[in-house]
Amino acid sequence: MTSSEELHKRRGAAVARGVGSTISSYVDHAGGGTITDVEGRQWIDFAAGIAVANVGNSAPRVVEAVKAQVERFTHTCFMVAPYESYVAVCEQLNAITPGDFEKRSALFNSGAEAVENAVKIARHATGRPAVVVFDHAYHGRTNLTMALTAKNMPYKHRFGPFAGEIYRVPMSYPLRDGGLSGAEAAARAIELVEKQVGAENVAALLIEPIQGEGGFVVPAAGFLPALREWATAAGVVFVADEIQTGFCRTGQWFACEHEEVVPDLITLAKAIAGGLPLAAVTGRAELMDAVHVGGLGGTYGGNPIACAAALASIETMRELDLTCAAQRIETVLAARLRTIAERDPRIAEVRGRGAMLAVELVQPGTLVPDPAATAAISAACHAAGLLTLTCGTYGNVLRFLPPLVISNDELARGLDILDAAFG
């Protein structure tokens, strides 16, 4: 079998340098809470392909569904010759997303594409141009979603000019907000929108209920409900970007459910199809149906193989009760992280929900970010066989996203490695 070293040399001669990887080992197979590389080394997986492998990397139902669909047909393009599985996925999404109103869904390929289409829908339905986003936000790597994203490096640097009519306001960031309540932080953001943009010009307010790449920032209680209330009163489409938080990751099907916030539109991707490329926008029927026929779509959107995988993935989530699994992981993982934090003054905060937890590292006694320590601890985890990720506007957050099917033993082994990495 080809070694990781040999594959890395081939990569250097074939793959664009701008495509990075967290580790230099190459995967042979994966499942449950582990990844095995081509040398046979096993890694405990606290990344889940960036919150994609919620049902695992080779969930039996997904594998069988994909095999069966490949034998029938791989592609016709739903816009040319439609098929049942696309309709069935939309039915499932309409049923499981928050809100008891009539809904419609449309399927796409990636999270960024879902976000772009949510903006298109909101602008078309309202006739307004402006989109409000938040500090520390991440929404994708396409031109529009780079404009929506807050972080310059590596996502935006020298890739402009970007799309216009995007307005950024402060996020509720309890660790760095100076004690602002959720309601106060929302009032601060709303005041800026009303003064600098004008509510009557705003098509959509777009927010991650828990920020992902921005640092797993959980807004203070009341922040999201206050924004939702304002959006309703102002005729602004409230869009929840649940691409990283969705599908049981936070201990609910969707993170906005923790505060009973019901979005007008919700963007979905990542864990929707057990690792196959699929994304969606789901929302109020009157908004989704406002767009003219032919205004939404794409050649590969709702590919039949991905749709088969999505149906099997959603059924697996139900069958294994993965919302409860995420809550179980939170109980174990959060307790261990707090124990580490008690002895390590570099940890300013343990935060997150469900199996979406993080620690923010700072210089002891301050709130000055410490990205060097964060990178060093993550590297120590990798050297010992634990796959971890960093994130945050300042590069000083360690984030933990284990597959929701990780076993108790795998979780414990991973935490032992993490504990040792902190020293």
Protein backbone atom coordinates (compact mmCIF):
# COMPACT_ATOMS: atom_id res chain seq x y z
CA MET A 1 0.00 0.00 0.00
CA THR A 2 1.19 3.52 -0.78
CA SER A 3 2.56 5.28 2.33
CA SER A 4 1.47 8.69 3.59
CA GLU A 5 4.94 10.01 2.81
CA GLU A 6 4.68 8.84 -0.80
CA LEU A 7 1.16 10.25 -1.12
CA HIS A 8 2.33 13.57 0.29
CA LYS A 9 5.04 13.79 -2.36
CA ARG A 10 2.49 13.03 -5.10
CA ARG A 11 0.20 15.65 -3.62
CA GLY A 12 2.90 18.29 -3.78
CA ALA A 13 3.27 17.70 -7.51
CA ALA A 14 -0.45 17.46 -8.28
CA VAL A 15 -2.60 19.40 -5.80
CA ALA A 16 -2.76 23.20 -5.61
CA ARG A 17 -0.84 24.58 -2.63
CA GLY A 18 -3.85 26.62 -1.52
CA VAL A 19 -5.70 23.45 -0.49
CA GLY A 20 -4.55 22.72 3.06
CA SER A 21 -4.93 19.72 5.38
CA THR A 22 -4.84 19.48 9.16
CA ILE A 23 -2.64 16.37 9.28
CA SER A 24 -0.19 14.84 6.81
CA SER A 25 -1.37 11.23 7.22
CA TYR A 26 -3.67 9.83 4.54
CA VAL A 27 -6.88 7.98 5.38
CA ASP A 28 -7.50 4.35 4.47
CA HIS A 29 -10.81 3.78 6.24
CA ALA A 30 -12.96 5.31 8.98
CA GLY A 31 -16.01 4.60 11.08
CA GLY A 32 -17.55 5.22 14.49
CA GLY A 33 -15.22 7.58 16.29
CA THR A 34 -11.97 6.60 14.60
CA ILE A 35 -9.98 7.15 11.41
CA THR A 36 -7.28 4.71 10.26
CA ASP A 37 -4.48 5.90 7.99
CA VAL A 38 -2.69 3.96 5.24
CA GLU A 39 0.00 2.84 7.68
CA GLY A 40 -2.66 1.36 9.97
CA ARG A 41 -2.39 4.07 12.62
CA GLN A 42 -5.68 4.83 14.31
CA TRP A 43 -6.82 8.35 15.16
CA ILE A 44 -9.58 9.26 17.61
CA ASP A 45 -11.79 11.63 15.64
CA PHE A 46 -12.79 14.88 17.35
CA ALA A 47 -13.39 16.61 14.00
CA ALA A 48 -16.05 14.55 12.16
CA GLY A 49 -14.97 16.07 8.85
CA ILE A 50 -15.88 19.50 10.30
CA ALA A 51 -19.25 18.41 11.72
CA VAL A 52 -20.20 16.31 8.69
CA ALA A 53 -19.91 12.75 10.00
CA ASN A 54 -22.61 13.02 12.68
CA VAL A 55 -23.77 9.48 11.86
CA GLY A 56 -20.17 8.32 11.36
CA ASN A 57 -18.01 7.98 8.26
CA SER A 58 -19.56 4.69 7.10
CA ALA A 59 -23.03 4.44 8.63
CA PRO A 60 -24.59 1.12 7.53
CA ARG A 61 -27.90 2.61 6.35
CA VAL A 62 -26.08 5.27 4.34
CA VAL A 63 -23.72 2.76 2.74
CA GLU A 64 -26.56 0.48 1.67
CA ALA A 65 -28.69 3.35 0.38
CA VAL A 66 -25.83 4.69 -1.72
CA LYS A 67 -25.05 1.25 -3.17
CA ALA A 68 -28.68 0.72 -4.12
CA GLN A 69 -29.00 4.14 -5.77
CA VAL A 70 -25.76 3.80 -7.76
CA GLU A 71 -27.13 0.63 -9.31
CA ARG A 72 -30.32 2.42 -10.40
CA PHE A 73 -28.94 5.72 -11.76
CA THR A 74 -26.33 8.29 -10.73
CA HIS A 75 -27.69 11.45 -12.34
CA THR A 76 -30.45 12.85 -14.51
CA CYS A 77 -30.56 16.45 -13.17
CA PHE A 78 -33.74 17.11 -11.21
CA MET A 79 -34.43 20.16 -13.42
CA VAL A 80 -34.49 17.88 -16.49
CA ALA A 81 -35.89 14.55 -15.32
CA PRO A 82 -37.04 14.61 -11.67
CA TYR A 83 -37.08 11.70 -9.21
CA GLU A 84 -38.76 10.81 -5.93
CA SER A 85 -35.78 10.99 -3.58
CA TYR A 86 -35.38 14.75 -4.11
CA VAL A 87 -39.03 15.25 -3.17
CA ALA A 88 -38.66 12.91 -0.18
CA VAL A 89 -35.67 14.83 1.19
CA CYS A 90 -37.61 18.09 0.91
CA GLU A 91 -40.55 16.49 2.73
CA GLN A 92 -38.25 15.38 5.55
CA LEU A 93 -36.61 18.79 5.88
CA ASN A 94 -39.98 20.55 5.91
CA ALA A 95 -41.07 18.23 8.71
CA ILE A 96 -38.02 18.35 11.01
CA THR A 97 -37.04 22.03 10.83
CA PRO A 98 -38.54 24.49 13.33
CA GLY A 99 -41.91 26.10 12.62
CA ASP A 100 -45.41 24.70 12.22
CA PHE A 101 -46.18 26.77 9.11
CA GLU A 102 -46.23 25.51 5.52
CA LYS A 103 -42.71 25.11 4.14
CA ARG A 104 -40.84 24.45 0.94
CA SER A 105 -37.25 23.32 0.36
CA ALA A 106 -34.71 23.49 -2.46
CA LEU A 107 -31.56 21.37 -2.68
CA PHE A 108 -28.03 22.47 -3.58
CA ASN A 109 -24.45 21.21 -3.32
CA SER A 110 -22.65 23.03 -0.51
CA GLY A 111 -23.21 25.23 2.49
CA ALA A 112 -21.97 28.31 0.64
CA GLU A 113 -24.40 27.62 -2.18
CA ALA A 114 -27.25 27.26 0.31
CA VAL A 115 -26.38 30.61 1.89
CA GLU A 116 -26.17 32.32 -1.51
CA ASN A 117 -29.59 31.00 -2.43
CA ALA A 118 -31.10 32.06 0.89
CA VAL A 119 -29.92 35.60 0.16
CA LYS A 120 -31.35 35.39 -3.37
CA ILE A 121 -34.70 34.24 -2.02
CA ALA A 122 -34.84 36.94 0.67
CA ARG A 123 -33.95 39.69 -1.77
CA HIS A 124 -36.44 38.49 -4.35
CA ALA A 125 -39.26 38.07 -1.86
CA THR A 126 -38.75 41.44 -0.13
CA GLY A 127 -37.49 43.57 -3.01
CA ARG A 128 -34.82 44.90 -0.65
CA PRO A 129 -31.02 44.79 -1.21
CA ALA A 130 -29.24 44.81 2.16
CA VAL A 131 -28.06 41.79 4.16
CA VAL A 132 -27.03 42.08 7.82
CA VAL A 133 -24.35 39.72 9.18
CA PHE A 134 -22.25 39.59 12.35
CA ASP A 135 -18.71 39.93 13.61
CA HIS A 136 -16.81 36.61 13.65
CA ALA A 137 -19.26 35.07 11.16
CA TYR A 138 -18.30 32.41 8.64
CA HIS A 139 -20.64 31.63 5.75
CA GLY A 140 -18.46 30.22 2.95
CA ARG A 141 -15.78 30.71 0.30
CA THR A 142 -17.70 31.91 -2.77
CA ASN A 143 -17.63 35.60 -3.64
CA LEU A 144 -20.89 36.49 -1.90
CA THR A 145 -20.25 34.27 1.12
CA MET A 146 -16.72 35.67 1.49
CA ALA A 147 -18.36 39.09 1.74
CA LEU A 148 -20.66 37.67 4.41
CA THR A 149 -17.71 36.12 6.26
CA ALA A 150 -15.83 38.24 8.80
CA LYS A 151 -12.36 36.66 8.82
CA ASN A 152 -9.77 37.84 6.34
CA MET A 153 -7.07 35.15 6.56
CA PRO A 154 -7.23 32.62 5.00
CA TYR A 155 -10.73 33.09 3.58
CA LYS A 156 -10.79 36.58 2.01
CA HIS A 157 -7.19 37.73 1.67
CA ARG A 158 -6.60 39.23 -1.81
CA PHE A 159 -9.73 37.59 -3.26
CA GLY A 160 -11.78 40.80 -3.59
CA PRO A 161 -13.56 42.90 -4.60
CA PHE A 162 -16.56 41.38 -2.89
CA ALA A 163 -20.31 41.65 -3.28
CA GLY A 164 -21.96 44.82 -2.01
CA GLU A 165 -24.89 45.67 0.26
CA ILE A 166 -23.45 43.55 3.11
CA TYR A 167 -23.49 45.20 6.56
CA ARG A 168 -21.73 43.81 9.63
CA VAL A 169 -22.76 44.42 13.23
CA PRO A 170 -21.43 43.19 16.60
CA MET A 171 -22.15 39.65 17.74
CA SER A 172 -23.06 38.73 21.29
CA TYR A 173 -19.74 37.28 22.55
CA PRO A 174 -20.15 36.86 26.31
CA LEU A 175 -16.44 36.36 27.06
CA ARG A 176 -15.53 39.62 25.31
CA ASP A 177 -18.71 41.70 25.66
CA GLY A 178 -17.99 43.35 28.98
CA GLY A 179 -21.04 41.84 30.65
CA LEU A 180 -23.68 42.75 28.06
CA SER A 181 -26.86 40.70 28.34
CA GLY A 182 -28.32 39.08 25.25
CA ALA A 183 -31.01 41.76 25.06
CA GLU A 184 -28.44 44.55 25.40
CA ALA A 185 -26.20 43.03 22.73
CA ALA A 186 -29.18 42.71 20.40
CA ALA A 187 -30.17 46.33 21.02
CA ARG A 188 -26.63 47.42 20.15
CA ALA A 189 -26.76 45.54 16.83
CA ILE A 190 -30.27 46.70 15.97
CA GLU A 191 -29.42 50.35 16.64
CA LEU A 192 -26.53 50.16 14.18
CA VAL A 193 -28.73 48.57 11.52
CA GLU A 194 -31.46 51.15 11.93
CA LYS A 195 -29.05 54.11 11.91
CA GLN A 196 -26.57 52.97 9.26
CA VAL A 197 -28.67 50.84 6.91
CA GLY A 198 -32.34 51.48 7.61
CA ALA A 199 -34.59 48.57 8.47
CA GLU A 200 -36.70 49.25 5.37
CA ASN A 201 -33.67 48.43 3.19
CA VAL A 202 -32.81 45.10 4.84
CA ALA A 203 -33.79 41.92 3.02
CA ALA A 204 -32.25 39.46 5.46
CA LEU A 205 -30.59 39.12 8.81
CA LEU A 206 -28.24 36.12 8.56
CA ILE A 207 -26.80 34.51 11.69
CA GLU A 208 -25.28 31.28 12.95
CA PRO A 209 -27.12 30.36 16.17
CA ILE A 210 -23.72 29.20 17.43
CA GLN A 211 -20.82 30.53 15.42
CA GLY A 212 -18.60 27.88 13.88
CA GLU A 213 -15.31 29.02 12.38
CA GLY A 214 -15.68 32.26 14.36
CA GLY A 215 -14.90 30.37 17.57
CA PHE A 216 -17.96 28.35 18.67
CA VAL A 217 -19.35 31.57 20.12
CA VAL A 218 -22.64 30.95 21.93
CA PRO A 219 -24.57 34.24 22.16
CA ALA A 220 -25.95 35.31 25.51
CA ALA A 221 -29.47 34.13 26.31
CA GLY A 222 -32.06 36.41 24.75
CA PHE A 223 -29.87 37.66 21.88
CA LEU A 224 -31.40 35.47 19.19
CA PRO A 225 -35.02 35.92 20.35
CA ALA A 226 -34.60 39.72 20.38
CA LEU A 227 -33.21 39.70 16.84
CA ARG A 228 -36.04 37.42 15.74
CA GLU A 229 -38.62 39.78 17.24
CA TRP A 230 -37.06 42.80 15.54
CA ALA A 231 -36.87 41.05 12.17
CA THR A 232 -40.53 40.12 12.32
CA ALA A 233 -41.56 43.68 13.15
CA ALA A 234 -39.31 45.14 10.43
CA GLY A 235 -40.34 42.72 7.68
CA VAL A 236 -36.78 41.34 7.53
CA VAL A 237 -36.21 37.69 6.62
CA PHE A 238 -34.52 35.95 9.57
CA VAL A 239 -32.08 33.37 8.18
CA ALA A 240 -30.49 30.81 10.51
CA ASP A 241 -27.25 29.36 9.14
CA GLU A 242 -27.39 25.88 10.69
CA ILE A 243 -24.82 24.37 8.35
CA GLN A 244 -22.45 23.38 11.18
CA THR A 245 -24.95 23.29 14.05
CA GLY A 246 -27.72 21.25 12.44
CA PHE A 247 -28.77 17.61 12.51
CA CYS A 248 -28.50 16.82 16.23
CA ARG A 249 -25.02 18.33 16.69
CA THR A 250 -25.95 20.62 19.62
CA GLY A 251 -28.31 18.25 21.40
CA GLN A 252 -31.36 19.45 19.45
CA TRP A 253 -32.12 18.82 15.80
CA PHE A 254 -31.23 22.48 15.21
CA ALA A 255 -29.42 24.94 17.46
CA CYS A 256 -32.04 27.70 17.21
CA GLU A 257 -34.42 25.35 19.04
CA HIS A 258 -32.51 25.87 22.31
CA GLU A 259 -34.21 29.26 22.62
CA GLU A 260 -37.32 28.35 20.62
CA VAL A 261 -36.31 30.69 17.80
CA VAL A 262 -38.10 29.91 14.54
CA PRO A 263 -36.30 31.21 11.44
CA ASP A 264 -38.00 32.23 8.22
CA LEU A 265 -35.31 30.42 6.24
CA ILE A 266 -32.76 27.88 7.42
CA THR A 267 -29.61 26.86 5.54
CA LEU A 268 -28.45 23.27 5.85
CA ALA A 269 -25.50 21.19 4.64
CA LYS A 270 -22.58 19.30 6.26
CA ALA A 271 -24.24 16.45 8.23
CA ILE A 272 -27.34 16.27 6.03
CA ALA A 273 -26.18 13.31 3.90
CA GLY A 274 -23.66 11.28 5.88
CA GLY A 275 -20.67 12.73 4.03
CA LEU A 276 -22.04 13.14 0.52
CA PRO A 277 -22.30 16.67 -0.95
CA LEU A 278 -25.78 18.05 -0.36
CA ALA A 279 -27.23 21.29 0.96
CA ALA A 280 -30.63 22.90 1.30
CA VAL A 281 -32.64 25.99 2.01
CA THR A 282 -35.88 25.32 3.87
CA GLY A 283 -38.39 27.95 4.87
CA ARG A 284 -41.75 29.60 4.75
CA ALA A 285 -43.68 28.61 1.65
CA GLU A 286 -44.57 32.18 0.71
CA LEU A 287 -40.87 33.15 0.67
CA MET A 288 -39.58 30.04 -1.07
CA ASP A 289 -42.34 30.17 -3.69
CA ALA A 290 -41.82 33.87 -4.38
CA VAL A 291 -38.99 33.09 -6.78
CA HIS A 292 -39.95 32.58 -10.43
CA VAL A 293 -39.69 29.11 -12.01
CA GLY A 294 -36.11 28.48 -13.06
CA GLY A 295 -34.72 30.99 -10.57
CA LEU A 296 -33.41 28.27 -8.25
CA GLY A 297 -31.50 25.12 -9.07
CA GLY A 298 -28.21 23.80 -10.41
CA THR A 299 -26.93 20.85 -12.41
CA TYR A 300 -25.97 18.69 -9.42
CA GLY A 301 -28.30 20.11 -6.77
CA GLY A 302 -30.14 17.25 -5.08
CA ASN A 303 -28.09 14.55 -6.82
CA PRO A 304 -29.94 11.21 -6.43
CA ILE A 305 -27.03 9.49 -4.65
CA ALA A 306 -26.76 12.32 -2.15
CA CYS A 307 -30.53 12.31 -1.65
CA ALA A 308 -30.49 8.57 -0.92
CA ALA A 309 -27.72 9.16 1.59
CA ALA A 310 -29.64 12.02 3.22
CA LEU A 311 -32.77 9.94 3.71
CA ALA A 312 -30.70 7.15 5.26
CA SER A 313 -28.76 9.62 7.41
CA ILE A 314 -31.91 11.26 8.80
CA GLU A 315 -33.39 7.84 9.56
CA THR A 316 -30.17 6.87 11.35
CA MET A 317 -30.36 10.03 13.46
CA ARG A 318 -33.87 9.10 14.51
CA GLU A 319 -33.13 5.42 15.07
CA LEU A 320 -30.04 6.08 17.20
CA ASP A 321 -31.55 9.14 18.92
CA LEU A 322 -28.53 11.25 18.13
CA THR A 323 -29.88 14.33 19.91
CA CYS A 324 -29.55 12.35 23.14
CA ALA A 325 -26.15 11.07 22.00
CA ALA A 326 -24.96 14.67 21.61
CA GLN A 327 -26.23 15.47 25.10
CA ARG A 328 -24.34 12.44 26.47
CA ILE A 329 -21.15 13.59 24.77
CA GLU A 330 -21.62 17.09 26.21
CA THR A 331 -21.92 15.72 29.74
CA VAL A 332 -18.65 13.81 29.49
CA LEU A 333 -16.66 16.23 27.33
CA ALA A 334 -17.66 19.45 29.10
CA ALA A 335 -16.88 18.00 32.53
CA ARG A 336 -13.39 16.98 31.41
CA LEU A 337 -12.74 20.33 29.75
CA ARG A 338 -13.73 22.17 32.91
CA THR A 339 -11.38 19.97 34.94
CA ILE A 340 -8.54 20.88 32.60
CA ALA A 341 -9.55 24.56 32.78
CA GLU A 342 -9.36 24.52 36.57
CA ARG A 343 -5.64 23.78 36.44
CA ASP A 344 -4.70 25.66 33.25
CA PRO A 345 -5.02 29.46 33.44
CA ARG A 346 -4.68 29.73 29.66
CA ILE A 347 -8.27 28.52 29.26
CA ALA A 348 -10.49 31.60 29.48
CA GLU A 349 -13.73 29.79 28.74
CA VAL A 350 -15.27 26.40 28.07
CA ARG A 351 -18.32 26.85 25.84
CA GLY A 352 -20.67 25.25 23.34
CA ARG A 353 -23.64 22.94 23.28
CA GLY A 354 -24.02 19.22 22.75
CA ALA A 355 -21.13 17.73 20.79
CA MET A 356 -20.04 21.19 19.63
CA LEU A 357 -17.72 22.36 22.39
CA ALA A 358 -14.61 24.51 22.55
CA VAL A 359 -12.03 26.14 24.79
CA GLU A 360 -10.64 29.63 24.19
CA LEU A 361 -6.98 30.11 25.09
CA VAL A 362 -5.50 33.41 26.25
CA GLN A 363 -2.41 34.69 27.95
CA PRO A 364 -3.03 33.94 31.66
CA GLY A 365 -4.77 36.69 33.56
CA THR A 366 -5.83 38.54 30.39
CA LEU A 367 -8.13 38.21 27.40
CA VAL A 368 -5.19 38.50 24.99
CA PRO A 369 -5.59 35.61 22.51
CA ASP A 370 -2.88 32.91 22.49
CA PRO A 371 -2.95 31.30 19.05
CA ALA A 372 0.56 29.87 19.50
CA ALA A 373 -0.46 27.83 22.53
CA THR A 374 -3.62 26.72 20.73
CA ALA A 375 -1.63 25.48 17.73
CA ALA A 376 0.90 23.74 19.96
CA ILE A 377 -1.74 21.87 21.95
CA SER A 378 -3.54 20.82 18.78
CA ALA A 379 -0.24 19.59 17.29
CA ALA A 380 0.46 17.59 20.46
CA CYS A 381 -2.96 15.96 20.11
CA HIS A 382 -2.20 15.03 16.50
CA ALA A 383 1.15 13.52 17.46
CA ALA A 384 -0.58 11.34 20.04
CA GLY A 385 -3.38 10.17 17.73
CA LEU A 386 -6.24 12.61 18.40
CA LEU A 387 -7.62 14.62 15.49
CA THR A 388 -8.58 18.12 16.66
CA LEU A 389 -9.31 21.43 14.94
CA THR A 390 -8.64 25.06 15.79
CA CYS A 391 -10.83 28.03 14.93
CA GLY A 392 -11.73 31.55 15.99
CA THR A 393 -11.14 35.02 14.61
CA TYR A 394 -7.92 35.14 16.64
CA GLY A 395 -6.92 31.50 15.98
CA ASN A 396 -7.04 30.76 19.71
CA VAL A 397 -9.94 28.32 20.02
CA LEU A 398 -9.73 24.54 20.15
CA ARG A 399 -13.00 23.05 18.91
CA PHE A 400 -14.31 19.54 19.45
CA LEU A 401 -16.76 17.88 17.06
CA PRO A 402 -16.75 14.12 17.61
CA PRO A 403 -19.08 11.97 15.53
CA LEU A 404 -22.32 11.51 17.45
CA VAL A 405 -21.86 7.74 17.20
CA ILE A 406 -18.49 7.79 19.00
CA SER A 407 -18.30 5.11 21.69
CA ASN A 408 -17.74 5.85 25.36
CA ASP A 409 -14.34 4.17 25.15
CA GLU A 410 -13.26 6.18 22.11
CA LEU A 411 -14.42 9.39 23.76
CA ALA A 412 -12.52 8.58 26.95
CA ARG A 413 -9.32 7.72 25.05
CA GLY A 414 -9.54 10.97 23.13
CA LEU A 415 -10.01 12.97 26.30
CA ASP A 416 -7.00 11.29 27.91
CA ILE A 417 -4.88 12.41 24.94
CA LEU A 418 -6.31 15.93 25.14
CA ASP A 419 -5.67 16.11 28.88
CA ALA A 420 -2.04 15.07 28.39
CA ALA A 421 -1.58 17.62 25.59
CA PHE A 422 -2.37 20.43 28.01
CA GLY A 423 0.39 19.15 30.28
